[in-house]
């Protein structure tokens, strides 16, 4: 997920994306714990996507309140 794509979304869309990524992160943690995780790089990718969305959400909230 690129930052430009995330910036083009509305806050509601970002909240929905964040929720789905957190669910995926939860499932990936369980897969890693049980030894079923095949794509270990996906854990890092999901974690960074979550951080990217949270950062852009914060930027949008600050911009609207200022």
C-alpha atoms as a PDB file:
ATOM      1  CA  UNK A   1       0.000   0.000   0.000  1.00  0.00           C
ATOM      2  CA  UNK A   2       1.468   3.317  -1.073  1.00  0.00           C
ATOM      3  CA  UNK A   3       1.112   6.548   0.864  1.00  0.00           C
ATOM      4  CA  UNK A   4      -0.438   8.283  -2.149  1.00  0.00           C
ATOM      5  CA  UNK A   5      -3.185   5.655  -2.254  1.00  0.00           C
ATOM      6  CA  UNK A   6      -3.858   6.051   1.454  1.00  0.00           C
ATOM      7  CA  UNK A   7      -3.992   9.858   1.269  1.00  0.00           C
ATOM      8  CA  UNK A   8      -6.652   9.645  -1.449  1.00  0.00           C
ATOM      9  CA  UNK A   9      -9.051   7.809   0.881  1.00  0.00           C
ATOM     10  CA  UNK A  10     -11.527   9.356   3.297  1.00  0.00           C
ATOM     11  CA  UNK A  11     -11.291   8.948   7.062  1.00  0.00           C
ATOM     12  CA  UNK A  12     -14.101   6.372   7.048  1.00  0.00           C
ATOM     13  CA  UNK A  13     -12.298   4.289   4.446  1.00  0.00           C
ATOM     14  CA  UNK A  14      -9.074   4.533   6.434  1.00  0.00           C
ATOM     15  CA  UNK A  15     -10.824   3.344   9.588  1.00  0.00           C
ATOM     16  CA  UNK A  16     -12.201   0.334   7.710  1.00  0.00           C
ATOM     17  CA  UNK A  17      -8.779  -0.462   6.226  1.00  0.00           C
ATOM     18  CA  UNK A  18      -7.147  -0.129   9.627  1.00  0.00           C
ATOM     19  CA  UNK A  19      -9.654  -2.518  11.171  1.00  0.00           C
ATOM     20  CA  UNK A  20      -9.084  -5.146   8.484  1.00  0.00           C
ATOM     21  CA  UNK A  21      -5.288  -4.834   8.780  1.00  0.00           C
ATOM     22  CA  UNK A  22      -5.454  -5.269  12.548  1.00  0.00           C
ATOM     23  CA  UNK A  23      -7.530  -8.425  12.088  1.00  0.00           C
ATOM     24  CA  UNK A  24      -4.995  -9.700   9.577  1.00  0.00           C
ATOM     25  CA  UNK A  25      -2.162  -8.910  11.978  1.00  0.00           C
ATOM     26  CA  UNK A  26      -3.951 -10.872  14.701  1.00  0.00           C
ATOM     27  CA  UNK A  27      -4.350 -13.877  12.401  1.00  0.00           C
ATOM     28  CA  UNK A  28      -0.712 -13.678  11.303  1.00  0.00           C
ATOM     29  CA  UNK A  29       0.426 -13.720  14.931  1.00  0.00           C
ATOM     30  CA  UNK A  30      -1.536 -16.907  15.534  1.00  0.00           C
ATOM     31  CA  UNK A  31      -0.173 -18.505  12.382  1.00  0.00           C
ATOM     32  CA  UNK A  32       3.369 -17.670  13.457  1.00  0.00           C
ATOM     33  CA  UNK A  33       2.780 -19.075  16.938  1.00  0.00           C
ATOM     34  CA  UNK A  34       1.423 -22.355  15.565  1.00  0.00           C
ATOM     35  CA  UNK A  35       4.108 -22.633  12.892  1.00  0.00           C
ATOM     36  CA  UNK A  36       1.690 -22.283   9.974  1.00  0.00           C
ATOM     37  CA  UNK A  37       2.959 -18.922   8.707  1.00  0.00           C
ATOM     38  CA  UNK A  38       4.390 -19.254   5.212  1.00  0.00           C
ATOM     39  CA  UNK A  39       4.982 -15.628   4.221  1.00  0.00           C
ATOM     40  CA  UNK A  40       6.917 -14.141   7.129  1.00  0.00           C
ATOM     41  CA  UNK A  41       7.481 -10.858   5.291  1.00  0.00           C
ATOM     42  CA  UNK A  42       3.739 -10.178   5.399  1.00  0.00           C
ATOM     43  CA  UNK A  43       3.940  -9.543   9.168  1.00  0.00           C
ATOM     44  CA  UNK A  44       6.309  -6.640   8.629  1.00  0.00           C
ATOM     45  CA  UNK A  45       4.330  -5.331   5.676  1.00  0.00           C
ATOM     46  CA  UNK A  46       1.056  -5.304   7.630  1.00  0.00           C
ATOM     47  CA  UNK A  47       2.695  -3.601  10.600  1.00  0.00           C
ATOM     48  CA  UNK A  48       4.055  -0.839   8.364  1.00  0.00           C
ATOM     49  CA  UNK A  49       0.717  -0.412   6.578  1.00  0.00           C
ATOM     50  CA  UNK A  50      -0.988   0.036   9.955  1.00  0.00           C
ATOM     51  CA  UNK A  51       1.541   2.693  10.942  1.00  0.00           C
ATOM     52  CA  UNK A  52       1.169   4.428   7.580  1.00  0.00           C
ATOM     53  CA  UNK A  53      -2.620   4.577   7.893  1.00  0.00           C
ATOM     54  CA  UNK A  54      -2.474   5.823  11.478  1.00  0.00           C
ATOM     55  CA  UNK A  55      -0.016   8.572  10.515  1.00  0.00           C
ATOM     56  CA  UNK A  56      -2.122   9.789   7.608  1.00  0.00           C
ATOM     57  CA  UNK A  57      -5.300   9.635   9.706  1.00  0.00           C
ATOM     58  CA  UNK A  58      -3.613  11.842  12.280  1.00  0.00           C
ATOM     59  CA  UNK A  59      -2.467  14.271   9.581  1.00  0.00           C
ATOM     60  CA  UNK A  60      -6.017  14.529   8.233  1.00  0.00           C
ATOM     61  CA  UNK A  61      -7.500  15.106  11.686  1.00  0.00           C
ATOM     62  CA  UNK A  62      -4.970  17.830  12.462  1.00  0.00           C
ATOM     63  CA  UNK A  63      -5.608  19.494   9.089  1.00  0.00           C
ATOM     64  CA  UNK A  64      -9.374  19.571   9.641  1.00  0.00           C
ATOM     65  CA  UNK A  65      -9.134  20.928  13.190  1.00  0.00           C
ATOM     66  CA  UNK A  66      -6.664  23.680  12.336  1.00  0.00           C
END
